[in-house]
Structure formats: C-alpha cells, structure tokens
Amino acid sequence: MTFRSAAAGLAAIVLLLGFAAPAVSQSNELQEAQQLLKQGQTDRAMERVDHYLKTRPKDARGHFMRGIVLTEQNKPGDENLAVVTFDQDYTSSNISNKMRKRQYWQREHGVWRIVHEGAA
C-alpha cells in the first residue's frame, strides 16, 4: 500500500464519519420526540420536532412526526399536511379482509403525496 492510497483511504473514512455523526443525532432527536409522545408529553415532543425542523426544514421525517404530534394534541395541522383514516375492504374469490388504515399526506410544491400509511 502506498502512502497516497493510505491517505485517500483515511480521508474517505474521516469523511464518512463526518456525515454519519449528524445522521445519528438527527435520528436521535426524532426518537426522543417519539418517546416524549409515548409518555404523553406532547408539548415537549413538539419542541423537539420544531428544533429538529429548524435546521432541516425540508426533512419529510420531521414533518411527518410534527403531523403525528399535532394529531395527538387534537390540533389542526398546517395547510401542507392532511391525515386520513378509513376502512379498507378487500374481497377476492379466496380472500376477504377488512382493515382500518391511516394515511399521512404532505403537500410539497403544490403536489400532494403520501408520506406514511399504516394501520390505524
């Protein structure tokens, strides 16, 4: 191994670690907000989410978590988030299934898209 290739490898590792650390702290902030929400501390959870979104205003995960907190607080969300709950009936020749679902929609640049869907 030459000095040049070793230096390039070391630089790549340092660069990757530099990008990995913020990603870990980002996910930790949202995990902390989720834990606060589970404990019923919706105001503190919203503070954590708002702090997260100040530095990452376009992060879909943060906006999704904000919508969940607003839903738990029984407050209307902003005009760019919609939460829909519905019953889905599926029937075919062999299978019949009924499920209550919830979708979280977000409007970005005038276009609505589903950011999360799951059981309600």
PDB file of N, CA and C in Angstrom:
ATOM      1  N   MET A   1       0.850  -1.173   0.000  1.00  0.00           N
ATOM      2  CA  MET A   1       0.000   0.000   0.000  1.00  0.00           C
ATOM      3  C   MET A   1       0.891   1.229   0.000  1.00  0.00           C
ATOM      4  N   THR A   2       0.596   2.146  -0.893  1.00  0.00           N
ATOM      5  CA  THR A   2       1.384   3.366  -0.964  1.00  0.00           C
ATOM      6  C   THR A   2       0.841   4.390   0.013  1.00  0.00           C
ATOM      7  N   PHE A   3       1.656   5.388   0.259  1.00  0.00           N
ATOM      8  CA  PHE A   3       1.240   6.453   1.163  1.00  0.00           C
ATOM      9  C   PHE A   3       0.011   7.166   0.613  1.00  0.00           C
ATOM     10  N   ARG A   4       0.006   7.375  -0.703  1.00  0.00           N
ATOM     11  CA  ARG A   4      -1.104   8.090  -1.330  1.00  0.00           C
ATOM     12  C   ARG A   4      -2.420   7.322  -1.173  1.00  0.00           C
ATOM     13  N   SER A   5      -2.405   6.002  -1.380  1.00  0.00           N
ATOM     14  CA  SER A   5      -3.644   5.226  -1.252  1.00  0.00           C
ATOM     15  C   SER A   5      -4.079   5.133   0.213  1.00  0.00           C
ATOM     16  N   ALA A   6      -3.120   5.058   1.134  1.00  0.00           N
ATOM     17  CA  ALA A   6      -3.465   5.029   2.556  1.00  0.00           C
ATOM     18  C   ALA A   6      -4.086   6.355   2.980  1.00  0.00           C
ATOM     19  N   ALA A   7      -3.529   7.453   2.492  1.00  0.00           N
ATOM     20  CA  ALA A   7      -4.069   8.771   2.829  1.00  0.00           C
ATOM     21  C   ALA A   7      -5.472   8.938   2.253  1.00  0.00           C
ATOM     22  N   ALA A   8      -5.683   8.455   1.039  1.00  0.00           N
ATOM     23  CA  ALA A   8      -7.008   8.548   0.419  1.00  0.00           C
ATOM     24  C   ALA A   8      -8.021   7.717   1.201  1.00  0.00           C
ATOM     25  N   GLY A   9      -7.604   6.531   1.646  1.00  0.00           N
ATOM     26  CA  GLY A   9      -8.494   5.681   2.438  1.00  0.00           C
ATOM     27  C   GLY A   9      -8.851   6.328   3.763  1.00  0.00           C
ATOM     28  N   LEU A  10      -7.851   6.911   4.423  1.00  0.00           N
ATOM     29  CA  LEU A  10      -8.089   7.593   5.692  1.00  0.00           C
ATOM     30  C   LEU A  10      -9.011   8.795   5.504  1.00  0.00           C
ATOM     31  N   ALA A  11      -8.797   9.541   4.431  1.00  0.00           N
ATOM     32  CA  ALA A  11      -9.658  10.698   4.151  1.00  0.00           C
ATOM     33  C   ALA A  11     -11.096  10.258   3.922  1.00  0.00           C
ATOM     34  N   ALA A  12     -11.288   9.143   3.234  1.00  0.00           N
ATOM     35  CA  ALA A  12     -12.641   8.630   2.981  1.00  0.00           C
ATOM     36  C   ALA A  12     -13.323   8.233   4.285  1.00  0.00           C
ATOM     37  N   ILE A  13     -12.574   7.602   5.187  1.00  0.00           N
ATOM     38  CA  ILE A  13     -13.141   7.192   6.475  1.00  0.00           C
ATOM     39  C   ILE A  13     -13.538   8.415   7.296  1.00  0.00           C
ATOM     40  N   VAL A  14     -12.666   9.416   7.350  1.00  0.00           N
ATOM     41  CA  VAL A  14     -12.963  10.637   8.102  1.00  0.00           C
ATOM     42  C   VAL A  14     -14.188  11.329   7.513  1.00  0.00           C
ATOM     43  N   LEU A  15     -14.269  11.371   6.190  1.00  0.00           N
ATOM     44  CA  LEU A  15     -15.412  11.995   5.527  1.00  0.00           C
ATOM     45  C   LEU A  15     -16.704  11.258   5.852  1.00  0.00           C
ATOM     46  N   LEU A  16     -16.668   9.935   5.805  1.00  0.00           N
ATOM     47  CA  LEU A  16     -17.861   9.146   6.119  1.00  0.00           C
ATOM     48  C   LEU A  16     -18.287   9.331   7.569  1.00  0.00           C
ATOM     49  N   LEU A  17     -17.329   9.357   8.476  1.00  0.00           N
ATOM     50  CA  LEU A  17     -17.661   9.561   9.886  1.00  0.00           C
ATOM     51  C   LEU A  17     -18.249  10.947  10.110  1.00  0.00           C
ATOM     52  N   GLY A  18     -17.763  11.916   9.376  1.00  0.00           N
ATOM     53  CA  GLY A  18     -18.296  13.270   9.489  1.00  0.00           C
ATOM     54  C   GLY A  18     -19.749  13.344   9.069  1.00  0.00           C
ATOM     55  N   PHE A  19     -20.118  12.571   8.045  1.00  0.00           N
ATOM     56  CA  PHE A  19     -21.512  12.558   7.609  1.00  0.00           C
ATOM     57  C   PHE A  19     -22.365  11.663   8.487  1.00  0.00           C
ATOM     58  N   ALA A  20     -21.813  10.641   9.074  1.00  0.00           N
ATOM     59  CA  ALA A  20     -22.590   9.702   9.886  1.00  0.00           C
ATOM     60  C   ALA A  20     -23.005  10.323  11.216  1.00  0.00           C
ATOM     61  N   ALA A  21     -22.145  11.137  11.813  1.00  0.00           N
ATOM     62  CA  ALA A  21     -22.456  11.716  13.120  1.00  0.00           C
ATOM     63  C   ALA A  21     -23.713  12.585  13.092  1.00  0.00           C
ATOM     64  N   PRO A  22     -23.868  13.510  12.111  1.00  0.00           N
ATOM     65  CA  PRO A  22     -25.108  14.284  12.091  1.00  0.00           C
ATOM     66  C   PRO A  22     -26.337  13.416  11.861  1.00  0.00           C
ATOM     67  N   ALA A  23     -26.217  12.366  11.063  1.00  0.00           N
ATOM     68  CA  ALA A  23     -27.365  11.490  10.803  1.00  0.00           C
ATOM     69  C   ALA A  23     -27.814  10.809  12.083  1.00  0.00           C
ATOM     70  N   VAL A  24     -26.854  10.411  12.916  1.00  0.00           N
ATOM     71  CA  VAL A  24     -27.199   9.768  14.181  1.00  0.00           C
ATOM     72  C   VAL A  24     -27.900  10.762  15.095  1.00  0.00           C
ATOM     73  N   SER A  25     -27.381  11.998  15.190  1.00  0.00           N
ATOM     74  CA  SER A  25     -28.016  12.983  16.067  1.00  0.00           C
ATOM     75  C   SER A  25     -29.401  13.359  15.550  1.00  0.00           C
ATOM     76  N   GLN A  26     -29.575  13.383  14.217  1.00  0.00           N
ATOM     77  CA  GLN A  26     -30.889  13.680  13.651  1.00  0.00           C
ATOM     78  C   GLN A  26     -31.891  12.626  14.074  1.00  0.00           C
ATOM     79  N   SER A  27     -31.532  11.369  13.890  1.00  0.00           N
ATOM     80  CA  SER A  27     -32.477  10.317  14.234  1.00  0.00           C
ATOM     81  C   SER A  27     -32.704  10.279  15.746  1.00  0.00           C
ATOM     82  N   ASN A  28     -31.682  10.621  16.541  1.00  0.00           N
ATOM     83  CA  ASN A  28     -31.857  10.649  17.996  1.00  0.00           C
ATOM     84  C   ASN A  28     -32.865  11.713  18.414  1.00  0.00           C
ATOM     85  N   GLU A  29     -32.843  12.866  17.748  1.00  0.00           N
ATOM     86  CA  GLU A  29     -33.798  13.921  18.088  1.00  0.00           C
ATOM     87  C   GLU A  29     -35.229  13.467  17.827  1.00  0.00           C
ATOM     88  N   LEU A  30     -35.456  12.823  16.705  1.00  0.00           N
ATOM     89  CA  LEU A  30     -36.806  12.352  16.397  1.00  0.00           C
ATOM     90  C   LEU A  30     -37.202  11.186  17.297  1.00  0.00           C
ATOM     91  N   GLN A  31     -36.246  10.338  17.648  1.00  0.00           N
ATOM     92  CA  GLN A  31     -36.544   9.242  18.571  1.00  0.00           C
ATOM     93  C   GLN A  31     -36.912   9.793  19.946  1.00  0.00           C
ATOM     94  N   GLU A  32     -36.218  10.839  20.360  1.00  0.00           N
ATOM     95  CA  GLU A  32     -36.538  11.466  21.647  1.00  0.00           C
ATOM     96  C   GLU A  32     -37.947  12.059  21.607  1.00  0.00           C
ATOM     97  N   ALA A  33     -38.299  12.702  20.504  1.00  0.00           N
ATOM     98  CA  ALA A  33     -39.649  13.257  20.360  1.00  0.00           C
ATOM     99  C   ALA A  33     -40.692  12.144  20.401  1.00  0.00           C
ATOM    100  N   GLN A  34     -40.378  11.024  19.775  1.00  0.00           N
ATOM    101  CA  GLN A  34     -41.308   9.897  19.771  1.00  0.00           C
ATOM    102  C   GLN A  34     -41.487   9.339  21.185  1.00  0.00           C
ATOM    103  N   GLN A  35     -40.408   9.244  21.946  1.00  0.00           N
ATOM    104  CA  GLN A  35     -40.503   8.765  23.325  1.00  0.00           C
ATOM    105  C   GLN A  35     -41.339   9.724  24.179  1.00  0.00           C
ATOM    106  N   LEU A  36     -41.119  11.019  24.008  1.00  0.00           N
ATOM    107  CA  LEU A  36     -41.909  12.005  24.752  1.00  0.00           C
ATOM    108  C   LEU A  36     -43.390  11.886  24.397  1.00  0.00           C
ATOM    109  N   LEU A  37     -43.667  11.634  23.139  1.00  0.00           N
ATOM    110  CA  LEU A  37     -45.051  11.472  22.700  1.00  0.00           C
ATOM    111  C   LEU A  37     -45.683  10.246  23.345  1.00  0.00           C
ATOM    112  N   LYS A  38     -44.941   9.148  23.418  1.00  0.00           N
ATOM    113  CA  LYS A  38     -45.446   7.928  24.058  1.00  0.00           C
ATOM    114  C   LYS A  38     -45.725   8.151  25.542  1.00  0.00           C
ATOM    115  N   GLN A  39     -44.969   9.062  26.159  1.00  0.00           N
ATOM    116  CA  GLN A  39     -45.158   9.377  27.575  1.00  0.00           C
ATOM    117  C   GLN A  39     -46.266  10.406  27.790  1.00  0.00           C
ATOM    118  N   GLY A  40     -46.881  10.850  26.700  1.00  0.00           N
ATOM    119  CA  GLY A  40     -47.966  11.819  26.798  1.00  0.00           C
ATOM    120  C   GLY A  40     -47.508  13.262  26.915  1.00  0.00           C
ATOM    121  N   GLN A  41     -46.219  13.509  26.708  1.00  0.00           N
ATOM    122  CA  GLN A  41     -45.661  14.857  26.820  1.00  0.00           C
ATOM    123  C   GLN A  41     -45.645  15.515  25.436  1.00  0.00           C
ATOM    124  N   THR A  42     -46.840  15.830  24.938  1.00  0.00           N
ATOM    125  CA  THR A  42     -46.950  16.314  23.559  1.00  0.00           C
ATOM    126  C   THR A  42     -46.291  17.676  23.355  1.00  0.00           C
ATOM    127  N   ASP A  43     -46.359  18.558  24.347  1.00  0.00           N
ATOM    128  CA  ASP A  43     -45.738  19.877  24.194  1.00  0.00           C
ATOM    129  C   ASP A  43     -44.222  19.762  24.066  1.00  0.00           C
ATOM    130  N   ARG A  44     -43.623  18.929  24.906  1.00  0.00           N
ATOM    131  CA  ARG A  44     -42.163  18.736  24.832  1.00  0.00           C
ATOM    132  C   ARG A  44     -41.773  18.026  23.539  1.00  0.00           C
ATOM    133  N   ALA A  45     -42.612  17.087  23.092  1.00  0.00           N
ATOM    134  CA  ALA A  45     -42.338  16.399  21.826  1.00  0.00           C
ATOM    135  C   ALA A  45     -42.357  17.401  20.674  1.00  0.00           C
ATOM    136  N   MET A  46     -43.327  18.321  20.695  1.00  0.00           N
ATOM    137  CA  MET A  46     -43.402  19.335  19.636  1.00  0.00           C
ATOM    138  C   MET A  46     -42.184  20.246  19.664  1.00  0.00           C
ATOM    139  N   GLU A  47     -41.695  20.587  20.859  1.00  0.00           N
ATOM    140  CA  GLU A  47     -40.483  21.403  20.964  1.00  0.00           C
ATOM    141  C   GLU A  47     -39.303  20.705  20.295  1.00  0.00           C
ATOM    142  N   ARG A  48     -39.161  19.396  20.542  1.00  0.00           N
ATOM    143  CA  ARG A  48     -38.050  18.644  19.941  1.00  0.00           C
ATOM    144  C   ARG A  48     -38.178  18.603  18.417  1.00  0.00           C
ATOM    145  N   VAL A  49     -39.402  18.372  17.932  1.00  0.00           N
ATOM    146  CA  VAL A  49     -39.621  18.307  16.483  1.00  0.00           C
ATOM    147  C   VAL A  49     -39.360  19.670  15.847  1.00  0.00           C
ATOM    148  N   ASP A  50     -39.846  20.735  16.471  1.00  0.00           N
ATOM    149  CA  ASP A  50     -39.614  22.074  15.927  1.00  0.00           C
ATOM    150  C   ASP A  50     -38.127  22.406  15.896  1.00  0.00           C
ATOM    151  N   HIS A  51     -37.407  22.015  16.944  1.00  0.00           N
ATOM    152  CA  HIS A  51     -35.956  22.225  16.969  1.00  0.00           C
ATOM    153  C   HIS A  51     -35.294  21.458  15.828  1.00  0.00           C
ATOM    154  N   TYR A  52     -35.721  20.240  15.613  1.00  0.00           N
ATOM    155  CA  TYR A  52     -35.193  19.408  14.526  1.00  0.00           C
ATOM    156  C   TYR A  52     -35.442  20.075  13.175  1.00  0.00           C
ATOM    157  N   LEU A  53     -36.657  20.590  12.974  1.00  0.00           N
ATOM    158  CA  LEU A  53     -37.023  21.170  11.680  1.00  0.00           C
ATOM    159  C   LEU A  53     -36.381  22.531  11.427  1.00  0.00           C
ATOM    160  N   LYS A  54     -35.911  23.216  12.474  1.00  0.00           N
ATOM    161  CA  LYS A  54     -35.234  24.499  12.260  1.00  0.00           C
ATOM    162  C   LYS A  54     -33.977  24.322  11.424  1.00  0.00           C
ATOM    163  N   THR A  55     -33.273  23.236  11.654  1.00  0.00           N
ATOM    164  CA  THR A  55     -32.034  23.005  10.910  1.00  0.00           C
ATOM    165  C   THR A  55     -32.247  22.134   9.676  1.00  0.00           C
ATOM    166  N   ARG A  56     -33.415  21.509   9.567  1.00  0.00           N
ATOM    167  CA  ARG A  56     -33.717  20.632   8.421  1.00  0.00           C
ATOM    168  C   ARG A  56     -35.152  20.892   7.957  1.00  0.00           C
ATOM    169  N   PRO A  57     -35.434  22.071   7.416  1.00  0.00           N
ATOM    170  CA  PRO A  57     -36.820  22.438   7.113  1.00  0.00           C
ATOM    171  C   PRO A  57     -37.488  21.591   6.033  1.00  0.00           C
ATOM    172  N   LYS A  58     -36.737  20.865   5.236  1.00  0.00           N
ATOM    173  CA  LYS A  58     -37.343  20.061   4.166  1.00  0.00           C
ATOM    174  C   LYS A  58     -37.345  18.570   4.469  1.00  0.00           C
ATOM    175  N   ASP A  59     -36.997  18.198   5.689  1.00  0.00           N
ATOM    176  CA  ASP A  59     -36.912  16.785   6.045  1.00  0.00           C
ATOM    177  C   ASP A  59     -38.315  16.202   6.232  1.00  0.00           C
ATOM    178  N   ALA A  60     -38.667  15.225   5.416  1.00  0.00           N
ATOM    179  CA  ALA A  60     -40.014  14.630   5.455  1.00  0.00           C
ATOM    180  C   ALA A  60     -40.281  13.919   6.777  1.00  0.00           C
ATOM    181  N   ARG A  61     -39.252  13.272   7.351  1.00  0.00           N
ATOM    182  CA  ARG A  61     -39.457  12.566   8.627  1.00  0.00           C
ATOM    183  C   ARG A  61     -39.864  13.528   9.730  1.00  0.00           C
ATOM    184  N   GLY A  62     -39.240  14.702   9.753  1.00  0.00           N
ATOM    185  CA  GLY A  62     -39.579  15.694  10.762  1.00  0.00           C
ATOM    186  C   GLY A  62     -41.000  16.215  10.596  1.00  0.00           C
ATOM    187  N   HIS A  63     -41.391  16.471   9.357  1.00  0.00           N
ATOM    188  CA  HIS A  63     -42.754  16.948   9.108  1.00  0.00           C
ATOM    189  C   HIS A  63     -43.780  15.864   9.423  1.00  0.00           C
ATOM    190  N   PHE A  64     -43.430  14.630   9.135  1.00  0.00           N
ATOM    191  CA  PHE A  64     -44.315  13.518   9.462  1.00  0.00           C
ATOM    192  C   PHE A  64     -44.516  13.435  10.980  1.00  0.00           C
ATOM    193  N   MET A  65     -43.424  13.524  11.733  1.00  0.00           N
ATOM    194  CA  MET A  65     -43.518  13.471  13.195  1.00  0.00           C
ATOM    195  C   MET A  65     -44.307  14.668  13.727  1.00  0.00           C
ATOM    196  N   ARG A  66     -44.136  15.822  13.112  1.00  0.00           N
ATOM    197  CA  ARG A  66     -44.895  17.006  13.529  1.00  0.00           C
ATOM    198  C   ARG A  66     -46.393  16.766  13.339  1.00  0.00           C
ATOM    199  N   GLY A  67     -46.762  16.158  12.231  1.00  0.00           N
ATOM    200  CA  GLY A  67     -48.166  15.840  11.981  1.00  0.00           C
ATOM    201  C   GLY A  67     -48.727  14.874  13.009  1.00  0.00           C
ATOM    202  N   ILE A  68     -47.917  13.900  13.409  1.00  0.00           N
ATOM    203  CA  ILE A  68     -48.356  12.942  14.427  1.00  0.00           C
ATOM    204  C   ILE A  68     -48.584  13.654  15.759  1.00  0.00           C
ATOM    205  N   VAL A  69     -47.649  14.536  16.134  1.00  0.00           N
ATOM    206  CA  VAL A  69     -47.797  15.265  17.396  1.00  0.00           C
ATOM    207  C   VAL A  69     -49.044  16.148  17.353  1.00  0.00           C
ATOM    208  N   LEU A  70     -49.258  16.851  16.237  1.00  0.00           N
ATOM    209  CA  LEU A  70     -50.455  17.690  16.117  1.00  0.00           C
ATOM    210  C   LEU A  70     -51.724  16.853  16.227  1.00  0.00           C
ATOM    211  N   THR A  71     -51.710  15.668  15.637  1.00  0.00           N
ATOM    212  CA  THR A  71     -52.869  14.779  15.720  1.00  0.00           C
ATOM    213  C   THR A  71     -53.117  14.370  17.167  1.00  0.00           C
ATOM    214  N   GLU A  72     -52.059  14.037  17.894  1.00  0.00           N
ATOM    215  CA  GLU A  72     -52.198  13.647  19.298  1.00  0.00           C
ATOM    216  C   GLU A  72     -52.688  14.808  20.159  1.00  0.00           C
ATOM    217  N   GLN A  73     -52.342  16.034  19.768  1.00  0.00           N
ATOM    218  CA  GLN A  73     -52.783  17.211  20.515  1.00  0.00           C
ATOM    219  C   GLN A  73     -54.193  17.642  20.108  1.00  0.00           C
ATOM    220  N   ASN A  74     -54.790  16.940  19.148  1.00  0.00           N
ATOM    221  CA  ASN A  74     -56.109  17.304  18.605  1.00  0.00           C
ATOM    222  C   ASN A  74     -56.128  18.735  18.083  1.00  0.00           C
ATOM    223  N   LYS A  75     -55.022  19.130  17.440  1.00  0.00           N
ATOM    224  CA  LYS A  75     -54.923  20.452  16.830  1.00  0.00           C
ATOM    225  C   LYS A  75     -54.890  20.275  15.318  1.00  0.00           C
ATOM    226  N   PRO A  76     -55.489  21.199  14.613  1.00  0.00           N
ATOM    227  CA  PRO A  76     -55.397  21.093  13.155  1.00  0.00           C
ATOM    228  C   PRO A  76     -53.965  21.324  12.711  1.00  0.00           C
ATOM    229  N   GLY A  77     -53.534  20.585  11.721  1.00  0.00           N
ATOM    230  CA  GLY A  77     -52.196  20.753  11.183  1.00  0.00           C
ATOM    231  C   GLY A  77     -52.133  21.949  10.262  1.00  0.00           C
ATOM    232  N   ASP A  78     -50.972  22.192   9.719  1.00  0.00           N
ATOM    233  CA  ASP A  78     -50.875  23.285   8.769  1.00  0.00           C
ATOM    234  C   ASP A  78     -51.503  22.872   7.443  1.00  0.00           C
ATOM    235  N   GLU A  79     -51.561  23.801   6.535  1.00  0.00           N
ATOM    236  CA  GLU A  79     -52.240  23.537   5.274  1.00  0.00           C
ATOM    237  C   GLU A  79     -51.479  22.570   4.369  1.00  0.00           C
ATOM    238  N   ASN A  80     -50.288  22.171   4.755  1.00  0.00           N
ATOM    239  CA  ASN A  80     -49.491  21.270   3.931  1.00  0.00           C
ATOM    240  C   ASN A  80     -49.478  19.834   4.440  1.00  0.00           C
ATOM    241  N   LEU A  81     -50.329  19.515   5.415  1.00  0.00           N
ATOM    242  CA  LEU A  81     -50.379  18.166   5.957  1.00  0.00           C
ATOM    243  C   LEU A  81     -51.830  17.752   6.157  1.00  0.00           C
ATOM    244  N   ALA A  82     -52.149  16.540   5.741  1.00  0.00           N
ATOM    245  CA  ALA A  82     -53.502  16.006   5.933  1.00  0.00           C
ATOM    246  C   ALA A  82     -53.387  14.586   6.461  1.00  0.00           C
ATOM    247  N   VAL A  83     -54.248  14.245   7.421  1.00  0.00           N
ATOM    248  CA  VAL A  83     -54.293  12.902   7.984  1.00  0.00           C
ATOM    249  C   VAL A  83     -55.661  12.322   7.648  1.00  0.00           C
ATOM    250  N   VAL A  84     -55.661  11.140   7.039  1.00  0.00           N
ATOM    251  CA  VAL A  84     -56.901  10.498   6.600  1.00  0.00           C
ATOM    252  C   VAL A  84     -56.983   9.117   7.232  1.00  0.00           C
ATOM    253  N   THR A  85     -58.114   8.807   7.865  1.00  0.00           N
ATOM    254  CA  THR A  85     -58.357   7.484   8.438  1.00  0.00           C
ATOM    255  C   THR A  85     -59.565   6.889   7.731  1.00  0.00           C
ATOM    256  N   PHE A  86     -59.459   5.620   7.335  1.00  0.00           N
ATOM    257  CA  PHE A  86     -60.545   4.997   6.579  1.00  0.00           C
ATOM    258  C   PHE A  86     -60.536   3.487   6.784  1.00  0.00           C
ATOM    259  N   ASP A  87     -61.670   2.856   6.455  1.00  0.00           N
ATOM    260  CA  ASP A  87     -61.784   1.395   6.468  1.00  0.00           C
ATOM    261  C   ASP A  87     -61.591   0.892   5.048  1.00  0.00           C
ATOM    262  N   GLN A  88     -60.731  -0.088   4.906  1.00  0.00           N
ATOM    263  CA  GLN A  88     -60.479  -0.672   3.592  1.00  0.00           C
ATOM    264  C   GLN A  88     -61.028  -2.093   3.587  1.00  0.00           C
ATOM    265  N   ASP A  89     -61.936  -2.362   2.664  1.00  0.00           N
ATOM    266  CA  ASP A  89     -62.486  -3.708   2.476  1.00  0.00           C
ATOM    267  C   ASP A  89     -61.872  -4.299   1.222  1.00  0.00           C
ATOM    268  N   TYR A  90     -61.323  -5.486   1.362  1.00  0.00           N
ATOM    269  CA  TYR A  90     -60.751  -6.168   0.209  1.00  0.00           C
ATOM    270  C   TYR A  90     -61.378  -7.547   0.119  1.00  0.00           C
ATOM    271  N   THR A  91     -61.936  -7.848  -1.033  1.00  0.00           N
ATOM    272  CA  THR A  91     -62.547  -9.155  -1.239  1.00  0.00           C
ATOM    273  C   THR A  91     -62.145  -9.680  -2.608  1.00  0.00           C
ATOM    274  N   SER A  92     -61.699 -10.922  -2.633  1.00  0.00           N
ATOM    275  CA  SER A  92     -61.447 -11.615  -3.897  1.00  0.00           C
ATOM    276  C   SER A  92     -62.112 -12.979  -3.789  1.00  0.00           C
ATOM    277  N   SER A  93     -61.860 -13.842  -4.733  1.00  0.00           N
ATOM    278  CA  SER A  93     -62.519 -15.152  -4.710  1.00  0.00           C
ATOM    279  C   SER A  93     -62.117 -15.984  -3.493  1.00  0.00           C
ATOM    280  N   ASN A  94     -60.905 -15.814  -2.977  1.00  0.00           N
ATOM    281  CA  ASN A  94     -60.428 -16.640  -1.870  1.00  0.00           C
ATOM    282  C   ASN A  94     -60.180 -15.875  -0.573  1.00  0.00           C
ATOM    283  N   ILE A  95     -60.091 -14.560  -0.665  1.00  0.00           N
ATOM    284  CA  ILE A  95     -59.667 -13.778   0.495  1.00  0.00           C
ATOM    285  C   ILE A  95     -60.661 -12.650   0.751  1.00  0.00           C
ATOM    286  N   SER A  96     -60.924 -12.420   2.027  1.00  0.00           N
ATOM    287  CA  SER A  96     -61.729 -11.272   2.429  1.00  0.00           C
ATOM    288  C   SER A  96     -61.028 -10.622   3.616  1.00  0.00           C
ATOM    289  N   ASN A  97     -60.826  -9.327   3.543  1.00  0.00           N
ATOM    290  CA  ASN A  97     -60.082  -8.642   4.591  1.00  0.00           C
ATOM    291  C   ASN A  97     -60.669  -7.247   4.802  1.00  0.00           C
ATOM    292  N   LYS A  98     -60.814  -6.857   6.048  1.00  0.00           N
ATOM    293  CA  LYS A  98     -61.247  -5.507   6.389  1.00  0.00           C
ATOM    294  C   LYS A  98     -60.216  -4.937   7.351  1.00  0.00           C
ATOM    295  N   MET A  99     -59.750  -3.721   7.054  1.00  0.00           N
ATOM    296  CA  MET A  99     -58.689  -3.126   7.859  1.00  0.00           C
ATOM    297  C   MET A  99     -58.921  -1.622   7.982  1.00  0.00           C
ATOM    298  N   ARG A 100     -58.679  -1.092   9.170  1.00  0.00           N
ATOM    299  CA  ARG A 100     -58.739   0.359   9.374  1.00  0.00           C
ATOM    300  C   ARG A 100     -57.337   0.902   9.131  1.00  0.00           C
ATOM    301  N   LYS A 101     -57.221   1.891   8.239  1.00  0.00           N
ATOM    302  CA  LYS A 101     -55.922   2.433   7.858  1.00  0.00           C
ATOM    303  C   LYS A 101     -55.864   3.934   8.108  1.00  0.00           C
ATOM    304  N   ARG A 102     -54.645   4.435   8.195  1.00  0.00           N
ATOM    305  CA  ARG A 102     -54.409   5.870   8.325  1.00  0.00           C
ATOM    306  C   ARG A 102     -53.302   6.255   7.348  1.00  0.00           C
ATOM    307  N   GLN A 103     -53.541   7.342   6.628  1.00  0.00           N
ATOM    308  CA  GLN A 103     -52.546   7.872   5.697  1.00  0.00           C
ATOM    309  C   GLN A 103     -52.187   9.295   6.117  1.00  0.00           C
ATOM    310  N   TYR A 104     -50.916   9.635   5.974  1.00  0.00           N
ATOM    311  CA  TYR A 104     -50.433  10.987   6.208  1.00  0.00           C
ATOM    312  C   TYR A 104     -49.998  11.542   4.855  1.00  0.00           C
ATOM    313  N   TRP A 105     -50.656  12.606   4.423  1.00  0.00           N
ATOM    314  CA  TRP A 105     -50.376  13.243   3.143  1.00  0.00           C
ATOM    315  C   TRP A 105     -49.653  14.554   3.392  1.00  0.00           C
ATOM    316  N   GLN A 106     -48.693  14.874   2.518  1.00  0.00           N
ATOM    317  CA  GLN A 106     -47.971  16.135   2.622  1.00  0.00           C
ATOM    318  C   GLN A 106     -47.966  16.812   1.259  1.00  0.00           C
ATOM    319  N   ARG A 107     -48.228  18.127   1.267  1.00  0.00           N
ATOM    320  CA  ARG A 107     -48.184  18.888   0.015  1.00  0.00           C
ATOM    321  C   ARG A 107     -46.835  19.572  -0.082  1.00  0.00           C
ATOM    322  N   GLU A 108     -46.181  19.354  -1.193  1.00  0.00           N
ATOM    323  CA  GLU A 108     -44.887  19.968  -1.439  1.00  0.00           C
ATOM    324  C   GLU A 108     -44.874  20.471  -2.867  1.00  0.00           C
ATOM    325  N   HIS A 109     -44.628  21.753  -3.044  1.00  0.00           N
ATOM    326  CA  HIS A 109     -44.626  22.391  -4.365  1.00  0.00           C
ATOM    327  C   HIS A 109     -45.956  22.179  -5.081  1.00  0.00           C
ATOM    328  N   GLY A 110     -47.052  22.230  -4.335  1.00  0.00           N
ATOM    329  CA  GLY A 110     -48.376  22.113  -4.925  1.00  0.00           C
ATOM    330  C   GLY A 110     -48.829  20.703  -5.237  1.00  0.00           C
ATOM    331  N   VAL A 111     -48.021  19.704  -4.928  1.00  0.00           N
ATOM    332  CA  VAL A 111     -48.359  18.308  -5.230  1.00  0.00           C
ATOM    333  C   VAL A 111     -48.513  17.543  -3.918  1.00  0.00           C
ATOM    334  N   TRP A 112     -49.632  16.823  -3.758  1.00  0.00           N
ATOM    335  CA  TRP A 112     -49.877  16.008  -2.570  1.00  0.00           C
ATOM    336  C   TRP A 112     -49.293  14.622  -2.772  1.00  0.00           C
ATOM    337  N   ARG A 113     -48.667  14.075  -1.720  1.00  0.00           N
ATOM    338  CA  ARG A 113     -48.150  12.702  -1.776  1.00  0.00           C
ATOM    339  C   ARG A 113     -48.296  12.068  -0.402  1.00  0.00           C
ATOM    340  N   ILE A 114     -48.394  10.743  -0.397  1.00  0.00           N
ATOM    341  CA  ILE A 114     -48.489  10.005   0.861  1.00  0.00           C
ATOM    342  C   ILE A 114     -47.079   9.850   1.420  1.00  0.00           C
ATOM    343  N   VAL A 115     -46.871  10.294   2.667  1.00  0.00           N
ATOM    344  CA  VAL A 115     -45.562  10.133   3.297  1.00  0.00           C
ATOM    345  C   VAL A 115     -45.538   8.949   4.248  1.00  0.00           C
ATOM    346  N   HIS A 116     -46.732   8.482   4.658  1.00  0.00           N
ATOM    347  CA  HIS A 116     -46.794   7.293   5.515  1.00  0.00           C
ATOM    348  C   HIS A 116     -48.197   6.709   5.445  1.00  0.00           C
ATOM    349  N   GLU A 117     -48.269   5.379   5.456  1.00  0.00           N
ATOM    350  CA  GLU A 117     -49.549   4.679   5.501  1.00  0.00           C
ATOM    351  C   GLU A 117     -49.392   3.467   6.395  1.00  0.00           C
ATOM    352  N   GLY A 118     -50.374   3.236   7.253  1.00  0.00           N
ATOM    353  CA  GLY A 118     -50.314   2.075   8.133  1.00  0.00           C
ATOM    354  C   GLY A 118     -51.644   1.830   8.808  1.00  0.00           C
ATOM    355  N   ALA A 119     -51.654   0.850   9.667  1.00  0.00           N
ATOM    356  CA  ALA A 119     -52.872   0.520  10.408  1.00  0.00           C
ATOM    357  C   ALA A 119     -53.207   1.654  11.369  1.00  0.00           C
ATOM    358  N   ALA A 120     -54.486   1.914  11.524  1.00  0.00           N
ATOM    359  CA  ALA A 120     -54.919   2.996  12.421  1.00  0.00           C
ATOM    360  C   ALA A 120     -55.154   2.460  13.815  1.00  0.00           C
TER     361      ALA A 120
END
